[in-house]
Amino acid sequence: MKNDPDLTEVSDQKVGDKPPYTLTRRQFLKLSTSVLIGAGLAAGGYASLLEPKMLEIIRITLHQKRLPEAFDGMKIAHFSDLHLGFQTDAKDAKKIVSTINRERPDLICFTGDMVDGPVDAMVEAVDPFSALKAPLGVLSIVGNHDFDDVKRLISLQEKAGFTVLRNEHMLLKRNGGHMAVAGLDDQLLGSPDPEKALKGIPEKMYTLLMMHEPDYADWAAQYHFDLQLSGHSHGGQIRLPWIGEVITPPGSKKYVKGLYTIGNSRMSLYVNRGIGTTRLPFRFLCKPELTILTLRKSRI
């Protein structure tokens, strides 16, 4: 019988013994390839079907020096980047609304990219969003994906109960104290104007900034903002062990996810990973996020 050069020889086999299972090099390569393909398909299925639906609630307490005593303990629900029309719809809006309302926040902040281009995707979400409840308000800003018909989108958000801030601010009152929330236009496709947004706010007043692109924080820190809330980055959407985010969009190259202190300023920045996806319908090691921020008066 002709010898197979790829067959591993066993020299100590005895008569009557069952021959051991051996693999040819060709069989080994085929098996290895099958395992790799199977693992890739499993990871792809997880990244496209499971993780995008695995909402993670991140709870953070921030101690802020200039926060008025009246707002000590205020709870903010921060969410971002729903991208209605691309893998998310009104059913997803209903789920996030239910989750937010269970948290009983004092203030709700949405930091842009409500839709993924076409505004029609917002129409069916008006009804579920109208159920959002927070005594200090439900606020929103626009992101770069909201500019397909931004005026109509703003109108639909207002119909759903959002107060949309575009280079504007509103004053919050609680237990005799005051603070301000300013919202800027999108950095990439709009015209952010912090001076216009701050007009009328006393410089000593604690001011929260809503700005879609987190990297704008380096510019915002020159003004009297105390805390910036942003989205846009999706946390990278795809993250790899020991490497982190693979790619992030313009406007989120420096600040990608989580909490930052900006330079030597007093301003903090929190970057939410967002709810939806865009471009590619995948999330890997980067779950969608709802942030619950509790503000406390710093005693130091």
C-alpha atoms as a PDB file:
ATOM      1  CA  MET A   1       0.000   0.000   0.000  1.00  0.00           C
ATOM      2  CA  LYS A   2       1.253   3.407  -0.891  1.00  0.00           C
ATOM      3  CA  ASN A   3       2.276   5.559   2.088  1.00  0.00           C
ATOM      4  CA  ASP A   4       0.506   8.877   2.692  1.00  0.00           C
ATOM      5  CA  PRO A   5       3.319  11.383   3.339  1.00  0.00           C
ATOM      6  CA  ASP A   6       0.889  13.553   5.335  1.00  0.00           C
ATOM      7  CA  LEU A   7      -0.003  10.756   7.772  1.00  0.00           C
ATOM      8  CA  THR A   8       1.538  10.935  11.255  1.00  0.00           C
ATOM      9  CA  GLU A   9       3.146   7.538  12.073  1.00  0.00           C
ATOM     10  CA  VAL A  10       2.658   5.718  15.391  1.00  0.00           C
ATOM     11  CA  SER A  11       5.527   3.296  16.066  1.00  0.00           C
ATOM     12  CA  ASP A  12       4.346   1.615  19.296  1.00  0.00           C
ATOM     13  CA  GLN A  13       0.997   0.279  18.094  1.00  0.00           C
ATOM     14  CA  LYS A  14       0.409  -3.374  19.110  1.00  0.00           C
ATOM     15  CA  VAL A  15      -1.449  -6.082  17.218  1.00  0.00           C
ATOM     16  CA  GLY A  16      -5.136  -5.944  18.070  1.00  0.00           C
ATOM     17  CA  ASP A  17      -4.978  -2.352  19.346  1.00  0.00           C
ATOM     18  CA  LYS A  18      -7.490   0.093  17.896  1.00  0.00           C
ATOM     19  CA  PRO A  19      -5.576   2.415  15.567  1.00  0.00           C
ATOM     20  CA  PRO A  20      -5.392   5.956  16.964  1.00  0.00           C
ATOM     21  CA  TYR A  21      -7.308   8.733  15.238  1.00  0.00           C
ATOM     22  CA  THR A  22      -4.939  10.758  13.091  1.00  0.00           C
ATOM     23  CA  LEU A  23      -5.375  13.740  10.799  1.00  0.00           C
ATOM     24  CA  THR A  24      -3.654  14.445   7.580  1.00  0.00           C
ATOM     25  CA  ARG A  25      -2.262  17.932   7.185  1.00  0.00           C
ATOM     26  CA  ARG A  26      -5.014  18.614   4.656  1.00  0.00           C
ATOM     27  CA  GLN A  27      -7.699  17.503   7.113  1.00  0.00           C
ATOM     28  CA  PHE A  28      -6.160  19.608   9.877  1.00  0.00           C
ATOM     29  CA  LEU A  29      -6.203  22.717   7.681  1.00  0.00           C
ATOM     30  CA  LYS A  30      -9.809  22.089   6.683  1.00  0.00           C
ATOM     31  CA  LEU A  31     -10.851  21.629  10.316  1.00  0.00           C
ATOM     32  CA  SER A  32      -8.975  24.760  11.420  1.00  0.00           C
ATOM     33  CA  THR A  33     -10.548  26.780   8.645  1.00  0.00           C
ATOM     34  CA  SER A  34     -14.005  25.503   9.581  1.00  0.00           C
ATOM     35  CA  VAL A  35     -13.441  26.447  13.236  1.00  0.00           C
ATOM     36  CA  LEU A  36     -12.308  29.950  12.261  1.00  0.00           C
ATOM     37  CA  ILE A  37     -15.255  30.438   9.928  1.00  0.00           C
ATOM     38  CA  GLY A  38     -17.654  29.152  12.581  1.00  0.00           C
ATOM     39  CA  ALA A  39     -16.188  31.472  15.199  1.00  0.00           C
ATOM     40  CA  GLY A  40     -16.418  34.378  12.762  1.00  0.00           C
ATOM     41  CA  LEU A  41     -20.045  33.620  11.981  1.00  0.00           C
ATOM     42  CA  ALA A  42     -20.863  33.281  15.683  1.00  0.00           C
ATOM     43  CA  ALA A  43     -19.155  36.593  16.473  1.00  0.00           C
ATOM     44  CA  GLY A  44     -20.883  38.223  13.516  1.00  0.00           C
ATOM     45  CA  GLY A  45     -24.261  36.951  14.658  1.00  0.00           C
ATOM     46  CA  TYR A  46     -23.614  38.184  18.195  1.00  0.00           C
ATOM     47  CA  ALA A  47     -22.433  41.596  16.932  1.00  0.00           C
ATOM     48  CA  SER A  48     -25.387  42.059  14.575  1.00  0.00           C
ATOM     49  CA  LEU A  49     -28.283  40.341  16.341  1.00  0.00           C
ATOM     50  CA  LEU A  50     -27.587  40.264  20.079  1.00  0.00           C
ATOM     51  CA  GLU A  51     -25.325  43.031  21.362  1.00  0.00           C
ATOM     52  CA  PRO A  52     -27.162  45.896  19.570  1.00  0.00           C
ATOM     53  CA  LYS A  53     -30.221  44.977  21.671  1.00  0.00           C
ATOM     54  CA  MET A  54     -28.352  44.584  24.995  1.00  0.00           C
ATOM     55  CA  LEU A  55     -28.990  47.975  26.556  1.00  0.00           C
ATOM     56  CA  GLU A  56     -26.605  48.727  29.422  1.00  0.00           C
ATOM     57  CA  ILE A  57     -27.507  51.225  32.126  1.00  0.00           C
ATOM     58  CA  ILE A  58     -24.430  53.105  33.334  1.00  0.00           C
ATOM     59  CA  ARG A  59     -24.854  54.839  36.691  1.00  0.00           C
ATOM     60  CA  ILE A  60     -22.465  57.626  37.609  1.00  0.00           C
ATOM     61  CA  THR A  61     -22.342  60.136  40.441  1.00  0.00           C
ATOM     62  CA  LEU A  62     -20.601  63.415  39.608  1.00  0.00           C
ATOM     63  CA  HIS A  63     -19.483  65.825  42.287  1.00  0.00           C
ATOM     64  CA  GLN A  64     -19.637  69.397  40.978  1.00  0.00           C
ATOM     65  CA  LYS A  65     -18.288  72.399  42.862  1.00  0.00           C
ATOM     66  CA  ARG A  66     -20.620  75.007  41.394  1.00  0.00           C
ATOM     67  CA  LEU A  67     -23.783  72.921  41.567  1.00  0.00           C
ATOM     68  CA  PRO A  68     -26.427  74.781  43.614  1.00  0.00           C
ATOM     69  CA  GLU A  69     -27.529  73.125  46.851  1.00  0.00           C
ATOM     70  CA  ALA A  70     -31.054  72.987  45.453  1.00  0.00           C
ATOM     71  CA  PHE A  71     -29.920  70.587  42.707  1.00  0.00           C
ATOM     72  CA  ASP A  72     -27.864  68.310  44.941  1.00  0.00           C
ATOM     73  CA  GLY A  73     -28.954  64.770  44.082  1.00  0.00           C
ATOM     74  CA  MET A  74     -30.520  65.680  40.737  1.00  0.00           C
ATOM     75  CA  LYS A  75     -30.820  62.653  38.447  1.00  0.00           C
ATOM     76  CA  ILE A  76     -30.274  63.051  34.695  1.00  0.00           C
ATOM     77  CA  ALA A  77     -31.171  60.384  32.131  1.00  0.00           C
ATOM     78  CA  HIS A  78     -28.822  60.836  29.176  1.00  0.00           C
ATOM     79  CA  PHE A  79     -29.321  58.955  25.918  1.00  0.00           C
ATOM     80  CA  SER A  80     -28.141  59.559  22.390  1.00  0.00           C
ATOM     81  CA  ASP A  81     -27.877  58.385  18.769  1.00  0.00           C
ATOM     82  CA  LEU A  82     -31.079  56.429  18.345  1.00  0.00           C
ATOM     83  CA  HIS A  83     -30.695  56.506  14.520  1.00  0.00           C
ATOM     84  CA  LEU A  84     -34.330  55.738  13.783  1.00  0.00           C
ATOM     85  CA  GLY A  85     -34.657  54.246  10.318  1.00  0.00           C
ATOM     86  CA  PHE A  86     -31.431  52.236  10.458  1.00  0.00           C
ATOM     87  CA  GLN A  87     -31.979  49.062  12.478  1.00  0.00           C
ATOM     88  CA  THR A  88     -34.119  50.923  15.050  1.00  0.00           C
ATOM     89  CA  ASP A  89     -37.754  52.004  14.950  1.00  0.00           C
ATOM     90  CA  ALA A  90     -40.687  53.118  17.081  1.00  0.00           C
ATOM     91  CA  LYS A  91     -40.619  49.812  19.006  1.00  0.00           C
ATOM     92  CA  ASP A  92     -37.078  50.584  20.140  1.00  0.00           C
ATOM     93  CA  ALA A  93     -38.178  54.105  21.093  1.00  0.00           C
ATOM     94  CA  LYS A  94     -40.969  52.618  23.211  1.00  0.00           C
ATOM     95  CA  LYS A  95     -38.495  50.329  25.011  1.00  0.00           C
ATOM     96  CA  ILE A  96     -36.049  53.110  25.830  1.00  0.00           C
ATOM     97  CA  VAL A  97     -38.889  55.358  27.022  1.00  0.00           C
ATOM     98  CA  SER A  98     -40.116  52.628  29.363  1.00  0.00           C
ATOM     99  CA  THR A  99     -36.594  52.078  30.711  1.00  0.00           C
ATOM    100  CA  ILE A 100     -36.010  55.799  31.267  1.00  0.00           C
ATOM    101  CA  ASN A 101     -39.330  56.338  33.024  1.00  0.00           C
ATOM    102  CA  ARG A 102     -38.594  53.483  35.436  1.00  0.00           C
ATOM    103  CA  GLU A 103     -35.512  55.419  36.555  1.00  0.00           C
ATOM    104  CA  ARG A 104     -37.663  58.436  37.544  1.00  0.00           C
ATOM    105  CA  PRO A 105     -35.149  61.058  36.349  1.00  0.00           C
ATOM    106  CA  ASP A 106     -35.435  64.747  37.177  1.00  0.00           C
ATOM    107  CA  LEU A 107     -34.162  65.741  33.725  1.00  0.00           C
ATOM    108  CA  ILE A 108     -33.915  63.885  30.401  1.00  0.00           C
ATOM    109  CA  CYS A 109     -31.264  64.845  27.835  1.00  0.00           C
ATOM    110  CA  PHE A 110     -31.031  63.464  24.300  1.00  0.00           C
ATOM    111  CA  THR A 111     -27.783  64.472  22.568  1.00  0.00           C
ATOM    112  CA  GLY A 112     -28.525  64.133  18.856  1.00  0.00           C
ATOM    113  CA  ASP A 113     -28.922  61.806  15.863  1.00  0.00           C
ATOM    114  CA  MET A 114     -32.562  61.001  16.441  1.00  0.00           C
ATOM    115  CA  VAL A 115     -32.853  59.699  12.858  1.00  0.00           C
ATOM    116  CA  ASP A 116     -30.460  58.291  10.310  1.00  0.00           C
ATOM    117  CA  GLY A 117     -31.300  60.640   7.456  1.00  0.00           C
ATOM    118  CA  PRO A 118     -34.964  60.394   6.374  1.00  0.00           C
ATOM    119  CA  VAL A 119     -37.201  62.194   8.869  1.00  0.00           C
ATOM    120  CA  ASP A 120     -40.227  59.958   8.222  1.00  0.00           C
ATOM    121  CA  ALA A 121     -38.721  57.430  10.647  1.00  0.00           C
ATOM    122  CA  MET A 122     -39.558  59.856  13.464  1.00  0.00           C
ATOM    123  CA  VAL A 123     -43.281  60.000  12.688  1.00  0.00           C
ATOM    124  CA  GLU A 124     -44.221  56.721  14.382  1.00  0.00           C
ATOM    125  CA  ALA A 125     -41.888  57.465  17.302  1.00  0.00           C
ATOM    126  CA  VAL A 126     -43.735  60.649  18.269  1.00  0.00           C
ATOM    127  CA  ASP A 127     -46.351  58.747  20.254  1.00  0.00           C
ATOM    128  CA  PRO A 128     -43.965  56.609  22.360  1.00  0.00           C
ATOM    129  CA  PHE A 129     -41.670  59.573  23.039  1.00  0.00           C
ATOM    130  CA  SER A 130     -44.623  61.631  24.251  1.00  0.00           C
ATOM    131  CA  ALA A 131     -44.709  59.305  27.283  1.00  0.00           C
ATOM    132  CA  LEU A 132     -41.308  60.496  28.563  1.00  0.00           C
ATOM    133  CA  LYS A 133     -41.645  62.135  31.971  1.00  0.00           C
ATOM    134  CA  ALA A 134     -39.234  64.337  33.924  1.00  0.00           C
ATOM    135  CA  PRO A 135     -40.204  67.272  36.200  1.00  0.00           C
ATOM    136  CA  LEU A 136     -37.357  69.509  34.983  1.00  0.00           C
ATOM    137  CA  GLY A 137     -37.865  68.809  31.291  1.00  0.00           C
ATOM    138  CA  VAL A 138     -37.159  66.574  28.303  1.00  0.00           C
ATOM    139  CA  LEU A 139     -34.426  68.236  26.237  1.00  0.00           C
ATOM    140  CA  SER A 140     -32.857  67.488  22.875  1.00  0.00           C
ATOM    141  CA  ILE A 141     -30.278  68.763  20.418  1.00  0.00           C
ATOM    142  CA  VAL A 142     -29.615  67.870  16.775  1.00  0.00           C
ATOM    143  CA  GLY A 143     -26.759  65.740  15.453  1.00  0.00           C
ATOM    144  CA  ASN A 144     -25.128  65.439  12.051  1.00  0.00           C
ATOM    145  CA  HIS A 145     -27.505  62.665  10.913  1.00  0.00           C
ATOM    146  CA  ASP A 146     -30.534  64.880  11.621  1.00  0.00           C
ATOM    147  CA  PHE A 147     -30.012  67.312   8.747  1.00  0.00           C
ATOM    148  CA  ASP A 148     -32.002  65.607   5.993  1.00  0.00           C
ATOM    149  CA  ASP A 149     -34.914  67.893   6.954  1.00  0.00           C
ATOM    150  CA  VAL A 150     -33.868  69.352  10.268  1.00  0.00           C
ATOM    151  CA  LYS A 151     -36.753  71.807  10.632  1.00  0.00           C
ATOM    152  CA  ARG A 152     -39.354  69.076  10.204  1.00  0.00           C
ATOM    153  CA  LEU A 153     -37.460  66.819  12.594  1.00  0.00           C
ATOM    154  CA  ILE A 154     -37.398  69.538  15.247  1.00  0.00           C
ATOM    155  CA  SER A 155     -41.131  70.059  14.750  1.00  0.00           C
ATOM    156  CA  LEU A 156     -41.788  66.324  15.262  1.00  0.00           C
ATOM    157  CA  GLN A 157     -39.595  66.221  18.358  1.00  0.00           C
ATOM    158  CA  GLU A 158     -41.437  69.191  19.808  1.00  0.00           C
ATOM    159  CA  LYS A 159     -44.717  67.416  19.057  1.00  0.00           C
ATOM    160  CA  ALA A 160     -43.369  64.470  21.065  1.00  0.00           C
ATOM    161  CA  GLY A 161     -42.660  66.748  24.042  1.00  0.00           C
ATOM    162  CA  PHE A 162     -38.958  67.540  23.579  1.00  0.00           C
ATOM    163  CA  THR A 163     -37.604  71.040  24.046  1.00  0.00           C
ATOM    164  CA  VAL A 164     -35.026  71.283  21.260  1.00  0.00           C
ATOM    165  CA  LEU A 165     -32.124  73.604  22.046  1.00  0.00           C
ATOM    166  CA  ARG A 166     -30.205  74.947  19.065  1.00  0.00           C
ATOM    167  CA  ASN A 167     -27.771  77.609  20.241  1.00  0.00           C
ATOM    168  CA  GLU A 168     -30.276  78.267  23.028  1.00  0.00           C
ATOM    169  CA  HIS A 169     -30.643  77.659  26.720  1.00  0.00           C
ATOM    170  CA  MET A 170     -33.299  77.181  29.328  1.00  0.00           C
ATOM    171  CA  LEU A 171     -33.231  77.909  33.039  1.00  0.00           C
ATOM    172  CA  LEU A 172     -34.162  75.205  35.513  1.00  0.00           C
ATOM    173  CA  LYS A 173     -35.723  76.030  38.868  1.00  0.00           C
ATOM    174  CA  ARG A 174     -35.792  73.714  41.855  1.00  0.00           C
ATOM    175  CA  ASN A 175     -36.311  74.400  45.561  1.00  0.00           C
ATOM    176  CA  GLY A 176     -35.537  78.081  45.086  1.00  0.00           C
ATOM    177  CA  GLY A 177     -32.289  77.440  43.173  1.00  0.00           C
ATOM    178  CA  HIS A 178     -31.411  77.945  39.519  1.00  0.00           C
ATOM    179  CA  MET A 179     -29.146  76.337  36.921  1.00  0.00           C
ATOM    180  CA  ALA A 180     -28.977  76.510  33.128  1.00  0.00           C
ATOM    181  CA  VAL A 181     -28.905  73.979  30.308  1.00  0.00           C
ATOM    182  CA  ALA A 182     -27.498  75.136  26.968  1.00  0.00           C
ATOM    183  CA  GLY A 183     -27.740  73.239  23.693  1.00  0.00           C
ATOM    184  CA  LEU A 184     -25.563  73.874  20.636  1.00  0.00           C
ATOM    185  CA  ASP A 185     -26.100  73.273  16.944  1.00  0.00           C
ATOM    186  CA  ASP A 186     -24.209  70.374  15.375  1.00  0.00           C
ATOM    187  CA  GLN A 187     -20.491  70.984  14.840  1.00  0.00           C
ATOM    188  CA  LEU A 188     -20.155  69.125  11.524  1.00  0.00           C
ATOM    189  CA  LEU A 189     -23.226  70.304   9.606  1.00  0.00           C
ATOM    190  CA  GLY A 190     -24.550  73.159  11.718  1.00  0.00           C
ATOM    191  CA  SER A 191     -23.207  76.379  13.203  1.00  0.00           C
ATOM    192  CA  PRO A 192     -22.593  76.044  16.944  1.00  0.00           C
ATOM    193  CA  ASP A 193     -22.601  79.403  18.707  1.00  0.00           C
ATOM    194  CA  PRO A 194     -21.755  79.119  22.411  1.00  0.00           C
ATOM    195  CA  GLU A 195     -21.907  82.862  22.978  1.00  0.00           C
ATOM    196  CA  LYS A 196     -25.467  82.989  21.658  1.00  0.00           C
ATOM    197  CA  ALA A 197     -26.431  79.966  23.738  1.00  0.00           C
ATOM    198  CA  LEU A 198     -24.964  81.520  26.897  1.00  0.00           C
ATOM    199  CA  LYS A 199     -26.456  84.971  26.383  1.00  0.00           C
ATOM    200  CA  GLY A 200     -28.408  85.935  29.470  1.00  0.00           C
ATOM    201  CA  ILE A 201     -26.896  83.255  31.714  1.00  0.00           C
ATOM    202  CA  PRO A 202     -24.985  84.756  34.662  1.00  0.00           C
ATOM    203  CA  GLU A 203     -21.354  83.633  34.536  1.00  0.00           C
ATOM    204  CA  LYS A 204     -21.556  82.307  38.085  1.00  0.00           C
ATOM    205  CA  MET A 205     -24.541  80.085  37.313  1.00  0.00           C
ATOM    206  CA  TYR A 206     -23.959  76.340  37.026  1.00  0.00           C
ATOM    207  CA  THR A 207     -24.424  75.478  33.334  1.00  0.00           C
ATOM    208  CA  LEU A 208     -24.792  72.105  31.638  1.00  0.00           C
ATOM    209  CA  LEU A 209     -23.949  71.909  27.922  1.00  0.00           C
ATOM    210  CA  MET A 210     -25.503  69.519  25.408  1.00  0.00           C
ATOM    211  CA  MET A 211     -23.294  69.131  22.318  1.00  0.00           C
ATOM    212  CA  HIS A 212     -23.423  66.223  19.877  1.00  0.00           C
ATOM    213  CA  GLU A 213     -19.703  65.939  19.057  1.00  0.00           C
ATOM    214  CA  PRO A 214     -17.573  65.264  22.161  1.00  0.00           C
ATOM    215  CA  ASP A 215     -14.300  66.680  20.787  1.00  0.00           C
ATOM    216  CA  TYR A 216     -15.930  70.116  20.858  1.00  0.00           C
ATOM    217  CA  ALA A 217     -15.247  70.006  24.603  1.00  0.00           C
ATOM    218  CA  ASP A 218     -11.763  71.458  24.070  1.00  0.00           C
ATOM    219  CA  TRP A 219     -13.414  74.582  22.670  1.00  0.00           C
ATOM    220  CA  ALA A 220     -16.363  74.604  25.082  1.00  0.00           C
ATOM    221  CA  ALA A 221     -13.986  74.530  28.075  1.00  0.00           C
ATOM    222  CA  GLN A 222     -13.049  78.136  27.280  1.00  0.00           C
ATOM    223  CA  TYR A 223     -16.543  79.189  28.351  1.00  0.00           C
ATOM    224  CA  HIS A 224     -18.295  78.887  31.701  1.00  0.00           C
ATOM    225  CA  PHE A 225     -19.760  75.440  31.155  1.00  0.00           C
ATOM    226  CA  ASP A 226     -19.489  72.972  34.024  1.00  0.00           C
ATOM    227  CA  LEU A 227     -20.497  69.719  32.339  1.00  0.00           C
ATOM    228  CA  GLN A 228     -20.816  68.699  28.690  1.00  0.00           C
ATOM    229  CA  LEU A 229     -23.007  65.773  27.612  1.00  0.00           C
ATOM    230  CA  SER A 230     -22.291  64.282  24.183  1.00  0.00           C
ATOM    231  CA  GLY A 231     -22.869  61.244  21.988  1.00  0.00           C
ATOM    232  CA  HIS A 232     -21.858  60.794  18.329  1.00  0.00           C
ATOM    233  CA  SER A 233     -18.966  58.360  18.834  1.00  0.00           C
ATOM    234  CA  HIS A 234     -21.088  55.247  19.554  1.00  0.00           C
ATOM    235  CA  GLY A 235     -18.083  54.319  21.705  1.00  0.00           C
ATOM    236  CA  GLY A 236     -16.501  53.167  18.459  1.00  0.00           C
ATOM    237  CA  GLN A 237     -19.366  50.666  17.914  1.00  0.00           C
ATOM    238  CA  ILE A 238     -16.747  47.933  17.317  1.00  0.00           C
ATOM    239  CA  ARG A 239     -14.122  47.514  20.050  1.00  0.00           C
ATOM    240  CA  LEU A 240     -11.383  44.899  20.219  1.00  0.00           C
ATOM    241  CA  PRO A 241      -9.647  43.493  23.317  1.00  0.00           C
ATOM    242  CA  TRP A 242      -6.414  45.382  24.195  1.00  0.00           C
ATOM    243  CA  ILE A 243      -6.999  47.705  21.231  1.00  0.00           C
ATOM    244  CA  GLY A 244     -10.223  49.541  21.986  1.00  0.00           C
ATOM    245  CA  GLU A 245     -12.228  51.327  19.323  1.00  0.00           C
ATOM    246  CA  VAL A 246     -11.362  50.457  15.724  1.00  0.00           C
ATOM    247  CA  ILE A 247     -12.652  53.680  14.175  1.00  0.00           C
ATOM    248  CA  THR A 248     -14.649  56.708  15.261  1.00  0.00           C
ATOM    249  CA  PRO A 249     -16.216  59.497  13.183  1.00  0.00           C
ATOM    250  CA  PRO A 250     -14.854  63.051  12.870  1.00  0.00           C
ATOM    251  CA  GLY A 251     -15.683  64.961  16.026  1.00  0.00           C
ATOM    252  CA  SER A 252     -14.964  62.024  18.334  1.00  0.00           C
ATOM    253  CA  LYS A 253     -11.345  61.141  17.730  1.00  0.00           C
ATOM    254  CA  LYS A 254     -10.115  62.299  21.139  1.00  0.00           C
ATOM    255  CA  TYR A 255     -13.054  61.633  23.449  1.00  0.00           C
ATOM    256  CA  VAL A 256     -14.813  58.344  22.703  1.00  0.00           C
ATOM    257  CA  LYS A 257     -16.750  57.064  25.709  1.00  0.00           C
ATOM    258  CA  GLY A 258     -17.232  57.656  29.380  1.00  0.00           C
ATOM    259  CA  LEU A 259     -16.140  60.430  31.711  1.00  0.00           C
ATOM    260  CA  TYR A 260     -13.351  62.962  31.115  1.00  0.00           C
ATOM    261  CA  THR A 261     -11.982  66.059  32.793  1.00  0.00           C
ATOM    262  CA  ILE A 262     -11.065  68.596  30.133  1.00  0.00           C
ATOM    263  CA  GLY A 263      -7.530  69.896  30.532  1.00  0.00           C
ATOM    264  CA  ASN A 264      -7.042  72.115  33.556  1.00  0.00           C
ATOM    265  CA  SER A 265     -10.577  73.473  33.382  1.00  0.00           C
ATOM    266  CA  ARG A 266     -13.386  72.697  35.794  1.00  0.00           C
ATOM    267  CA  MET A 267     -15.461  71.253  32.957  1.00  0.00           C
ATOM    268  CA  SER A 268     -16.329  67.561  32.875  1.00  0.00           C
ATOM    269  CA  LEU A 269     -17.400  65.666  29.762  1.00  0.00           C
ATOM    270  CA  TYR A 270     -19.505  62.549  29.547  1.00  0.00           C
ATOM    271  CA  VAL A 271     -19.711  60.662  26.223  1.00  0.00           C
ATOM    272  CA  ASN A 272     -22.644  58.280  25.845  1.00  0.00           C
ATOM    273  CA  ARG A 273     -22.170  55.221  23.562  1.00  0.00           C
ATOM    274  CA  GLY A 274     -25.591  55.733  21.998  1.00  0.00           C
ATOM    275  CA  ILE A 275     -28.550  53.442  21.425  1.00  0.00           C
ATOM    276  CA  GLY A 276     -28.507  52.678  17.699  1.00  0.00           C
ATOM    277  CA  THR A 277     -25.966  51.975  14.996  1.00  0.00           C
ATOM    278  CA  THR A 278     -25.095  53.553  11.662  1.00  0.00           C
ATOM    279  CA  ARG A 279     -23.181  52.587   8.513  1.00  0.00           C
ATOM    280  CA  LEU A 280     -22.762  49.013   9.764  1.00  0.00           C
ATOM    281  CA  PRO A 281     -25.441  47.328  11.908  1.00  0.00           C
ATOM    282  CA  PHE A 282     -22.911  45.918  14.383  1.00  0.00           C
ATOM    283  CA  ARG A 283     -21.849  46.422  17.970  1.00  0.00           C
ATOM    284  CA  PHE A 284     -19.037  44.384  19.468  1.00  0.00           C
ATOM    285  CA  LEU A 285     -17.830  44.833  23.061  1.00  0.00           C
ATOM    286  CA  CYS A 286     -19.673  48.164  22.946  1.00  0.00           C
ATOM    287  CA  LYS A 287     -23.253  47.772  24.146  1.00  0.00           C
ATOM    288  CA  PRO A 288     -25.877  50.481  23.643  1.00  0.00           C
ATOM    289  CA  GLU A 289     -26.042  52.767  26.655  1.00  0.00           C
ATOM    290  CA  LEU A 290     -28.443  54.683  28.835  1.00  0.00           C
ATOM    291  CA  THR A 291     -26.567  56.882  31.287  1.00  0.00           C
ATOM    292  CA  ILE A 292     -28.032  57.826  34.649  1.00  0.00           C
ATOM    293  CA  LEU A 293     -26.043  60.743  36.048  1.00  0.00           C
ATOM    294  CA  THR A 294     -26.585  61.860  39.617  1.00  0.00           C
ATOM    295  CA  LEU A 295     -25.198  65.325  40.352  1.00  0.00           C
ATOM    296  CA  ARG A 296     -23.956  66.019  43.858  1.00  0.00           C
ATOM    297  CA  LYS A 297     -22.702  69.223  45.370  1.00  0.00           C
ATOM    298  CA  SER A 298     -18.963  68.935  45.950  1.00  0.00           C
ATOM    299  CA  ARG A 299     -17.975  69.810  49.521  1.00  0.00           C
ATOM    300  CA  ILE A 300     -14.238  70.043  48.767  1.00  0.00           C
END
